[in-house]
């Protein structure tokens, strides 16, 4: 059950920009970058832990593009319903 709107908390995560990334983070950003050359925001929040960022990207790719009895459209529908249920705009 979700808390009332007045009780919601928001976490603030400092996201390291590519220009200020150390070698490990710069490599992680390069490996998880989207078509525009930047990582998705949902991945960039893991910038304090580049390995976790890459693990998250691998998990996502496996779920959305790996072998499955679900079509890509069905997977997107599940993701949309879960996000909506959780109040997430992703």
PDB file of N, CA and C in Angstrom:
ATOM      1  N   UNK A   1       0.841  -1.174   0.000  1.00  0.00           N
ATOM      2  CA  UNK A   1       0.000   0.000   0.000  1.00  0.00           C
ATOM      3  C   UNK A   1       0.887   1.239   0.000  1.00  0.00           C
ATOM      4  N   UNK A   2       0.578   2.201  -0.841  1.00  0.00           N
ATOM      5  CA  UNK A   2       1.356   3.433  -0.927  1.00  0.00           C
ATOM      6  C   UNK A   2       0.990   4.390   0.191  1.00  0.00           C
ATOM      7  N   UNK A   3       1.986   5.143   0.696  1.00  0.00           N
ATOM      8  CA  UNK A   3       1.683   6.143   1.726  1.00  0.00           C
ATOM      9  C   UNK A   3       0.885   7.294   1.118  1.00  0.00           C
ATOM     10  N   UNK A   4       0.148   8.025   1.934  1.00  0.00           N
ATOM     11  CA  UNK A   4      -0.567   9.198   1.417  1.00  0.00           C
ATOM     12  C   UNK A   4       0.423  10.169   0.776  1.00  0.00           C
ATOM     13  N   UNK A   5      -0.059  10.980  -0.152  1.00  0.00           N
ATOM     14  CA  UNK A   5       0.808  11.911  -0.880  1.00  0.00           C
ATOM     15  C   UNK A   5       1.646  12.767   0.059  1.00  0.00           C
ATOM     16  N   UNK A   6       1.094  13.160   1.186  1.00  0.00           N
ATOM     17  CA  UNK A   6       1.829  14.010   2.119  1.00  0.00           C
ATOM     18  C   UNK A   6       2.974  13.268   2.799  1.00  0.00           C
ATOM     19  N   UNK A   7       2.979  11.950   2.736  1.00  0.00           N
ATOM     20  CA  UNK A   7       4.001  11.137   3.394  1.00  0.00           C
ATOM     21  C   UNK A   7       5.065  10.624   2.424  1.00  0.00           C
ATOM     22  N   UNK A   8       4.926  10.897   1.136  1.00  0.00           N
ATOM     23  CA  UNK A   8       5.904  10.412   0.158  1.00  0.00           C
ATOM     24  C   UNK A   8       7.255  11.072   0.392  1.00  0.00           C
ATOM     25  N   UNK A   9       8.297  10.306   0.157  1.00  0.00           N
ATOM     26  CA  UNK A   9       9.656  10.812   0.269  1.00  0.00           C
ATOM     27  C   UNK A   9      10.320  10.703  -1.089  1.00  0.00           C
ATOM     28  N   UNK A  10      11.192  11.615  -1.362  1.00  0.00           N
ATOM     29  CA  UNK A  10      11.909  11.618  -2.623  1.00  0.00           C
ATOM     30  C   UNK A  10      13.391  11.512  -2.323  1.00  0.00           C
ATOM     31  N   UNK A  11      14.049  10.571  -2.985  1.00  0.00           N
ATOM     32  CA  UNK A  11      15.488  10.410  -2.809  1.00  0.00           C
ATOM     33  C   UNK A  11      16.216  11.272  -3.836  1.00  0.00           C
ATOM     34  N   UNK A  12      17.288  11.870  -3.414  1.00  0.00           N
ATOM     35  CA  UNK A  12      18.114  12.659  -4.331  1.00  0.00           C
ATOM     36  C   UNK A  12      19.426  11.921  -4.535  1.00  0.00           C
ATOM     37  N   UNK A  13      19.725  11.589  -5.770  1.00  0.00           N
ATOM     38  CA  UNK A  13      20.961  10.884  -6.095  1.00  0.00           C
ATOM     39  C   UNK A  13      21.778  11.781  -7.003  1.00  0.00           C
ATOM     40  N   UNK A  14      22.987  12.043  -6.589  1.00  0.00           N
ATOM     41  CA  UNK A  14      23.903  12.849  -7.397  1.00  0.00           C
ATOM     42  C   UNK A  14      24.366  12.016  -8.590  1.00  0.00           C
ATOM     43  N   UNK A  15      24.080  12.471  -9.781  1.00  0.00           N
ATOM     44  CA  UNK A  15      24.467  11.747 -10.995  1.00  0.00           C
ATOM     45  C   UNK A  15      25.732  12.387 -11.549  1.00  0.00           C
ATOM     46  N   UNK A  16      26.773  11.585 -11.685  1.00  0.00           N
ATOM     47  CA  UNK A  16      28.035  12.083 -12.240  1.00  0.00           C
ATOM     48  C   UNK A  16      27.873  12.294 -13.743  1.00  0.00           C
ATOM     49  N   UNK A  17      28.279  13.437 -14.218  1.00  0.00           N
ATOM     50  CA  UNK A  17      28.227  13.737 -15.643  1.00  0.00           C
ATOM     51  C   UNK A  17      29.400  13.061 -16.347  1.00  0.00           C
ATOM     52  N   UNK A  18      29.247  12.794 -17.633  1.00  0.00           N
ATOM     53  CA  UNK A  18      30.326  12.118 -18.373  1.00  0.00           C
ATOM     54  C   UNK A  18      31.636  12.884 -18.297  1.00  0.00           C
ATOM     55  N   UNK A  19      31.572  14.192 -18.332  1.00  0.00           N
ATOM     56  CA  UNK A  19      32.793  15.008 -18.312  1.00  0.00           C
ATOM     57  C   UNK A  19      33.567  14.856 -17.006  1.00  0.00           C
ATOM     58  N   UNK A  20      32.891  14.499 -15.931  1.00  0.00           N
ATOM     59  CA  UNK A  20      33.560  14.371 -14.635  1.00  0.00           C
ATOM     60  C   UNK A  20      33.745  12.913 -14.207  1.00  0.00           C
ATOM     61  N   UNK A  21      33.431  11.976 -15.098  1.00  0.00           N
ATOM     62  CA  UNK A  21      33.508  10.553 -14.772  1.00  0.00           C
ATOM     63  C   UNK A  21      34.947  10.062 -14.733  1.00  0.00           C
ATOM     64  N   UNK A  22      35.235   9.199 -13.751  1.00  0.00           N
ATOM     65  CA  UNK A  22      36.543   8.548 -13.731  1.00  0.00           C
ATOM     66  C   UNK A  22      36.542   7.468 -14.815  1.00  0.00           C
ATOM     67  N   UNK A  23      37.653   6.774 -14.965  1.00  0.00           N
ATOM     68  CA  UNK A  23      37.803   5.812 -16.056  1.00  0.00           C
ATOM     69  C   UNK A  23      36.725   4.720 -16.016  1.00  0.00           C
ATOM     70  N   UNK A  24      36.502   4.117 -14.835  1.00  0.00           N
ATOM     71  CA  UNK A  24      35.516   3.029 -14.716  1.00  0.00           C
ATOM     72  C   UNK A  24      34.117   3.502 -15.085  1.00  0.00           C
ATOM     73  N   UNK A  25      33.740   4.683 -14.604  1.00  0.00           N
ATOM     74  CA  UNK A  25      32.411   5.205 -14.904  1.00  0.00           C
ATOM     75  C   UNK A  25      32.297   5.592 -16.371  1.00  0.00           C
ATOM     76  N   UNK A  26      33.336   6.190 -16.931  1.00  0.00           N
ATOM     77  CA  UNK A  26      33.311   6.572 -18.347  1.00  0.00           C
ATOM     78  C   UNK A  26      33.117   5.331 -19.223  1.00  0.00           C
ATOM     79  N   UNK A  27      33.791   4.231 -18.874  1.00  0.00           N
ATOM     80  CA  UNK A  27      33.628   2.983 -19.627  1.00  0.00           C
ATOM     81  C   UNK A  27      32.214   2.431 -19.470  1.00  0.00           C
ATOM     82  N   UNK A  28      31.681   2.492 -18.254  1.00  0.00           N
ATOM     83  CA  UNK A  28      30.308   2.019 -18.029  1.00  0.00           C
ATOM     84  C   UNK A  28      29.324   2.861 -18.830  1.00  0.00           C
ATOM     85  N   UNK A  29      29.487   4.168 -18.808  1.00  0.00           N
ATOM     86  CA  UNK A  29      28.610   5.048 -19.594  1.00  0.00           C
ATOM     87  C   UNK A  29      28.684   4.674 -21.077  1.00  0.00           C
ATOM     88  N   UNK A  30      29.884   4.421 -21.571  1.00  0.00           N
ATOM     89  CA  UNK A  30      30.059   4.075 -22.982  1.00  0.00           C
ATOM     90  C   UNK A  30      29.325   2.776 -23.305  1.00  0.00           C
ATOM     91  N   UNK A  31      29.417   1.790 -22.404  1.00  0.00           N
ATOM     92  CA  UNK A  31      28.809   0.478 -22.663  1.00  0.00           C
ATOM     93  C   UNK A  31      27.282   0.490 -22.559  1.00  0.00           C
ATOM     94  N   UNK A  32      26.718   1.374 -21.757  1.00  0.00           N
ATOM     95  CA  UNK A  32      25.252   1.379 -21.590  1.00  0.00           C
ATOM     96  C   UNK A  32      24.575   2.511 -22.351  1.00  0.00           C
ATOM     97  N   UNK A  33      25.350   3.281 -23.092  1.00  0.00           N
ATOM     98  CA  UNK A  33      24.795   4.442 -23.804  1.00  0.00           C
ATOM     99  C   UNK A  33      23.715   4.032 -24.794  1.00  0.00           C
ATOM    100  N   UNK A  34      22.734   4.898 -24.921  1.00  0.00           N
ATOM    101  CA  UNK A  34      21.678   4.698 -25.897  1.00  0.00           C
ATOM    102  C   UNK A  34      22.099   5.236 -27.254  1.00  0.00           C
ATOM    103  N   UNK A  35      21.171   5.266 -28.193  1.00  0.00           N
ATOM    104  CA  UNK A  35      21.474   5.741 -29.544  1.00  0.00           C
ATOM    105  C   UNK A  35      21.994   7.179 -29.594  1.00  0.00           C
ATOM    106  N   UNK A  36      21.633   7.983 -28.590  1.00  0.00           N
ATOM    107  CA  UNK A  36      22.088   9.378 -28.570  1.00  0.00           C
ATOM    108  C   UNK A  36      23.465   9.529 -27.924  1.00  0.00           C
ATOM    109  N   UNK A  37      24.046   8.415 -27.471  1.00  0.00           N
ATOM    110  CA  UNK A  37      25.369   8.460 -26.856  1.00  0.00           C
ATOM    111  C   UNK A  37      25.353   8.641 -25.345  1.00  0.00           C
ATOM    112  N   UNK A  38      24.185   8.864 -24.776  1.00  0.00           N
ATOM    113  CA  UNK A  38      24.052   9.046 -23.328  1.00  0.00           C
ATOM    114  C   UNK A  38      23.290   7.868 -22.729  1.00  0.00           C
ATOM    115  N   UNK A  39      23.588   7.546 -21.461  1.00  0.00           N
ATOM    116  CA  UNK A  39      22.812   6.488 -20.805  1.00  0.00           C
ATOM    117  C   UNK A  39      21.425   7.007 -20.446  1.00  0.00           C
ATOM    118  N   UNK A  40      20.456   6.109 -20.394  1.00  0.00           N
ATOM    119  CA  UNK A  40      19.120   6.482 -19.927  1.00  0.00           C
ATOM    120  C   UNK A  40      19.230   6.953 -18.482  1.00  0.00           C
ATOM    121  N   UNK A  41      18.383   7.884 -18.091  1.00  0.00           N
ATOM    122  CA  UNK A  41      18.425   8.406 -16.718  1.00  0.00           C
ATOM    123  C   UNK A  41      18.289   7.307 -15.677  1.00  0.00           C
ATOM    124  N   UNK A  42      17.458   6.303 -15.970  1.00  0.00           N
ATOM    125  CA  UNK A  42      17.254   5.215 -15.019  1.00  0.00           C
ATOM    126  C   UNK A  42      18.546   4.441 -14.787  1.00  0.00           C
ATOM    127  N   UNK A  43      19.454   4.454 -15.751  1.00  0.00           N
ATOM    128  CA  UNK A  43      20.770   3.831 -15.571  1.00  0.00           C
ATOM    129  C   UNK A  43      21.762   4.806 -14.945  1.00  0.00           C
ATOM    130  N   UNK A  44      21.694   6.056 -15.342  1.00  0.00           N
ATOM    131  CA  UNK A  44      22.649   7.057 -14.850  1.00  0.00           C
ATOM    132  C   UNK A  44      22.570   7.257 -13.339  1.00  0.00           C
ATOM    133  N   UNK A  45      21.423   6.961 -12.737  1.00  0.00           N
ATOM    134  CA  UNK A  45      21.336   7.104 -11.278  1.00  0.00           C
ATOM    135  C   UNK A  45      22.257   6.123 -10.567  1.00  0.00           C
ATOM    136  N   UNK A  46      22.739   5.134 -11.291  1.00  0.00           N
ATOM    137  CA  UNK A  46      23.697   4.187 -10.711  1.00  0.00           C
ATOM    138  C   UNK A  46      25.140   4.650 -10.895  1.00  0.00           C
ATOM    139  N   UNK A  47      25.343   5.897 -11.292  1.00  0.00           N
ATOM    140  CA  UNK A  47      26.704   6.370 -11.546  1.00  0.00           C
ATOM    141  C   UNK A  47      27.650   6.215 -10.354  1.00  0.00           C
ATOM    142  N   UNK A  48      27.160   6.247  -9.102  1.00  0.00           N
ATOM    143  CA  UNK A  48      28.086   5.993  -8.000  1.00  0.00           C
ATOM    144  C   UNK A  48      28.631   4.557  -7.991  1.00  0.00           C
ATOM    145  N   UNK A  49      27.969   3.648  -8.734  1.00  0.00           N
ATOM    146  CA  UNK A  49      28.393   2.254  -8.767  1.00  0.00           C
ATOM    147  C   UNK A  49      28.331   1.755 -10.214  1.00  0.00           C
ATOM    148  N   UNK A  50      29.399   1.984 -10.995  1.00  0.00           N
ATOM    149  CA  UNK A  50      29.385   1.613 -12.414  1.00  0.00           C
ATOM    150  C   UNK A  50      29.060   0.143 -12.677  1.00  0.00           C
ATOM    151  N   UNK A  51      29.526  -0.741 -11.822  1.00  0.00           N
ATOM    152  CA  UNK A  51      29.230  -2.160 -12.039  1.00  0.00           C
ATOM    153  C   UNK A  51      27.733  -2.421 -11.915  1.00  0.00           C
ATOM    154  N   UNK A  52      27.088  -1.830 -10.925  1.00  0.00           N
ATOM    155  CA  UNK A  52      25.640  -1.990 -10.770  1.00  0.00           C
ATOM    156  C   UNK A  52      24.918  -1.434 -11.997  1.00  0.00           C
ATOM    157  N   UNK A  53      25.419  -0.320 -12.555  1.00  0.00           N
ATOM    158  CA  UNK A  53      24.815   0.272 -13.747  1.00  0.00           C
ATOM    159  C   UNK A  53      24.852  -0.727 -14.907  1.00  0.00           C
ATOM    160  N   UNK A  54      25.995  -1.343 -15.100  1.00  0.00           N
ATOM    161  CA  UNK A  54      26.119  -2.301 -16.194  1.00  0.00           C
ATOM    162  C   UNK A  54      25.294  -3.562 -15.935  1.00  0.00           C
ATOM    163  N   UNK A  55      25.242  -4.018 -14.683  1.00  0.00           N
ATOM    164  CA  UNK A  55      24.407  -5.176 -14.343  1.00  0.00           C
ATOM    165  C   UNK A  55      22.938  -4.870 -14.608  1.00  0.00           C
ATOM    166  N   UNK A  56      22.500  -3.671 -14.254  1.00  0.00           N
ATOM    167  CA  UNK A  56      21.113  -3.249 -14.485  1.00  0.00           C
ATOM    168  C   UNK A  56      20.814  -3.245 -15.987  1.00  0.00           C
ATOM    169  N   UNK A  57      21.746  -2.717 -16.776  1.00  0.00           N
ATOM    170  CA  UNK A  57      21.549  -2.664 -18.226  1.00  0.00           C
ATOM    171  C   UNK A  57      21.454  -4.074 -18.811  1.00  0.00           C
ATOM    172  N   UNK A  58      22.298  -4.992 -18.339  1.00  0.00           N
ATOM    173  CA  UNK A  58      22.251  -6.379 -18.821  1.00  0.00           C
ATOM    174  C   UNK A  58      20.920  -7.043 -18.448  1.00  0.00           C
ATOM    175  N   UNK A  59      20.470  -6.813 -17.222  1.00  0.00           N
ATOM    176  CA  UNK A  59      19.190  -7.373 -16.791  1.00  0.00           C
ATOM    177  C   UNK A  59      18.059  -6.857 -17.684  1.00  0.00           C
ATOM    178  N   UNK A  60      18.020  -5.556 -17.909  1.00  0.00           N
ATOM    179  CA  UNK A  60      16.978  -4.960 -18.750  1.00  0.00           C
ATOM    180  C   UNK A  60      17.006  -5.555 -20.154  1.00  0.00           C
ATOM    181  N   UNK A  61      18.196  -5.615 -20.749  1.00  0.00           N
ATOM    182  CA  UNK A  61      18.294  -6.152 -22.115  1.00  0.00           C
ATOM    183  C   UNK A  61      17.834  -7.610 -22.168  1.00  0.00           C
ATOM    184  N   UNK A  62      18.212  -8.386 -21.150  1.00  0.00           N
ATOM    185  CA  UNK A  62      17.787  -9.780 -21.113  1.00  0.00           C
ATOM    186  C   UNK A  62      16.280  -9.908 -21.001  1.00  0.00           C
ATOM    187  N   UNK A  63      15.681  -9.108 -20.142  1.00  0.00           N
ATOM    188  CA  UNK A  63      14.228  -9.160 -19.964  1.00  0.00           C
ATOM    189  C   UNK A  63      13.472  -8.696 -21.202  1.00  0.00           C
ATOM    190  N   UNK A  64      13.946  -7.644 -21.818  1.00  0.00           N
ATOM    191  CA  UNK A  64      13.201  -7.051 -22.926  1.00  0.00           C
ATOM    192  C   UNK A  64      13.539  -7.651 -24.291  1.00  0.00           C
ATOM    193  N   UNK A  65      14.750  -8.174 -24.455  1.00  0.00           N
ATOM    194  CA  UNK A  65      15.171  -8.640 -25.776  1.00  0.00           C
ATOM    195  C   UNK A  65      15.584 -10.108 -25.814  1.00  0.00           C
ATOM    196  N   UNK A  66      15.717 -10.765 -24.646  1.00  0.00           N
ATOM    197  CA  UNK A  66      16.127 -12.163 -24.604  1.00  0.00           C
ATOM    198  C   UNK A  66      14.997 -13.102 -24.992  1.00  0.00           C
ATOM    199  N   UNK A  67      15.344 -14.384 -25.075  1.00  0.00           N
ATOM    200  CA  UNK A  67      14.351 -15.405 -25.410  1.00  0.00           C
ATOM    201  C   UNK A  67      13.234 -15.393 -24.361  1.00  0.00           C
ATOM    202  N   UNK A  68      11.995 -15.457 -24.833  1.00  0.00           N
ATOM    203  CA  UNK A  68      10.846 -15.394 -23.934  1.00  0.00           C
ATOM    204  C   UNK A  68       9.594 -15.832 -24.672  1.00  0.00           C
ATOM    205  N   UNK A  69       8.637 -16.411 -23.956  1.00  0.00           N
ATOM    206  CA  UNK A  69       7.352 -16.711 -24.597  1.00  0.00           C
ATOM    207  C   UNK A  69       6.527 -15.444 -24.838  1.00  0.00           C
ATOM    208  N   UNK A  70       6.939 -14.315 -24.249  1.00  0.00           N
ATOM    209  CA  UNK A  70       6.227 -13.050 -24.443  1.00  0.00           C
ATOM    210  C   UNK A  70       6.817 -12.285 -25.624  1.00  0.00           C
ATOM    211  N   UNK A  71       5.945 -11.644 -26.391  1.00  0.00           N
ATOM    212  CA  UNK A  71       6.415 -10.786 -27.484  1.00  0.00           C
ATOM    213  C   UNK A  71       6.988  -9.496 -26.895  1.00  0.00           C
ATOM    214  N   UNK A  72       7.686  -8.740 -27.701  1.00  0.00           N
ATOM    215  CA  UNK A  72       8.218  -7.459 -27.250  1.00  0.00           C
ATOM    216  C   UNK A  72       7.073  -6.539 -26.815  1.00  0.00           C
ATOM    217  N   UNK A  73       5.984  -6.537 -27.559  1.00  0.00           N
ATOM    218  CA  UNK A  73       4.822  -5.710 -27.209  1.00  0.00           C
ATOM    219  C   UNK A  73       4.243  -6.105 -25.858  1.00  0.00           C
ATOM    220  N   UNK A  74       4.167  -7.394 -25.605  1.00  0.00           N
ATOM    221  CA  UNK A  74       3.643  -7.862 -24.321  1.00  0.00           C
ATOM    222  C   UNK A  74       4.566  -7.461 -23.174  1.00  0.00           C
ATOM    223  N   UNK A  75       5.868  -7.540 -23.407  1.00  0.00           N
ATOM    224  CA  UNK A  75       6.825  -7.131 -22.371  1.00  0.00           C
ATOM    225  C   UNK A  75       6.690  -5.648 -22.068  1.00  0.00           C
ATOM    226  N   UNK A  76       6.542  -4.846 -23.113  1.00  0.00           N
ATOM    227  CA  UNK A  76       6.365  -3.404 -22.921  1.00  0.00           C
ATOM    228  C   UNK A  76       5.076  -3.117 -22.163  1.00  0.00           C
ATOM    229  N   UNK A  77       4.035  -3.867 -22.455  1.00  0.00           N
ATOM    230  CA  UNK A  77       2.763  -3.689 -21.763  1.00  0.00           C
ATOM    231  C   UNK A  77       2.917  -4.007 -20.280  1.00  0.00           C
ATOM    232  N   UNK A  78       3.587  -5.103 -19.958  1.00  0.00           N
ATOM    233  CA  UNK A  78       3.823  -5.454 -18.550  1.00  0.00           C
ATOM    234  C   UNK A  78       4.607  -4.335 -17.866  1.00  0.00           C
ATOM    235  N   UNK A  79       5.670  -3.856 -18.512  1.00  0.00           N
ATOM    236  CA  UNK A  79       6.486  -2.787 -17.932  1.00  0.00           C
ATOM    237  C   UNK A  79       5.658  -1.520 -17.712  1.00  0.00           C
ATOM    238  N   UNK A  80       4.787  -1.203 -18.652  1.00  0.00           N
ATOM    239  CA  UNK A  80       3.954  -0.008 -18.538  1.00  0.00           C
ATOM    240  C   UNK A  80       2.967  -0.135 -17.372  1.00  0.00           C
ATOM    241  N   UNK A  81       2.342  -1.292 -17.247  1.00  0.00           N
ATOM    242  CA  UNK A  81       1.380  -1.500 -16.159  1.00  0.00           C
ATOM    243  C   UNK A  81       2.073  -1.446 -14.811  1.00  0.00           C
ATOM    244  N   UNK A  82       3.232  -2.078 -14.693  1.00  0.00           N
ATOM    245  CA  UNK A  82       3.976  -2.053 -13.432  1.00  0.00           C
ATOM    246  C   UNK A  82       4.391  -0.632 -13.081  1.00  0.00           C
ATOM    247  N   UNK A  83       4.910   0.107 -14.060  1.00  0.00           N
ATOM    248  CA  UNK A  83       5.309   1.494 -13.810  1.00  0.00           C
ATOM    249  C   UNK A  83       4.124   2.344 -13.386  1.00  0.00           C
ATOM    250  N   UNK A  84       3.031   2.186 -14.084  1.00  0.00           N
ATOM    251  CA  UNK A  84       1.812   2.962 -13.752  1.00  0.00           C
ATOM    252  C   UNK A  84       1.320   2.611 -12.344  1.00  0.00           C
ATOM    253  N   UNK A  85       1.306   1.348 -12.030  1.00  0.00           N
ATOM    254  CA  UNK A  85       0.869   0.898 -10.702  1.00  0.00           C
ATOM    255  C   UNK A  85       1.755   1.487  -9.602  1.00  0.00           C
ATOM    256  N   UNK A  86       3.050   1.594  -9.897  1.00  0.00           N
ATOM    257  CA  UNK A  86       3.999   2.136  -8.925  1.00  0.00           C
ATOM    258  C   UNK A  86       4.100   3.658  -8.949  1.00  0.00           C
ATOM    259  N   UNK A  87       3.322   4.302  -9.811  1.00  0.00           N
ATOM    260  CA  UNK A  87       3.358   5.761  -9.900  1.00  0.00           C
ATOM    261  C   UNK A  87       4.641   6.295 -10.522  1.00  0.00           C
ATOM    262  N   UNK A  88       5.257   5.484 -11.372  1.00  0.00           N
ATOM    263  CA  UNK A  88       6.517   5.856 -12.017  1.00  0.00           C
ATOM    264  C   UNK A  88       6.257   6.255 -13.460  1.00  0.00           C
ATOM    265  N   UNK A  89       6.828   7.361 -13.921  1.00  0.00           N
ATOM    266  CA  UNK A  89       6.580   7.786 -15.291  1.00  0.00           C
ATOM    267  C   UNK A  89       7.347   6.968 -16.314  1.00  0.00           C
ATOM    268  N   UNK A  90       8.274   6.110 -15.892  1.00  0.00           N
ATOM    269  CA  UNK A  90       8.958   5.233 -16.834  1.00  0.00           C
ATOM    270  C   UNK A  90       8.021   4.126 -17.241  1.00  0.00           C
TER     271      UNK A  90
END
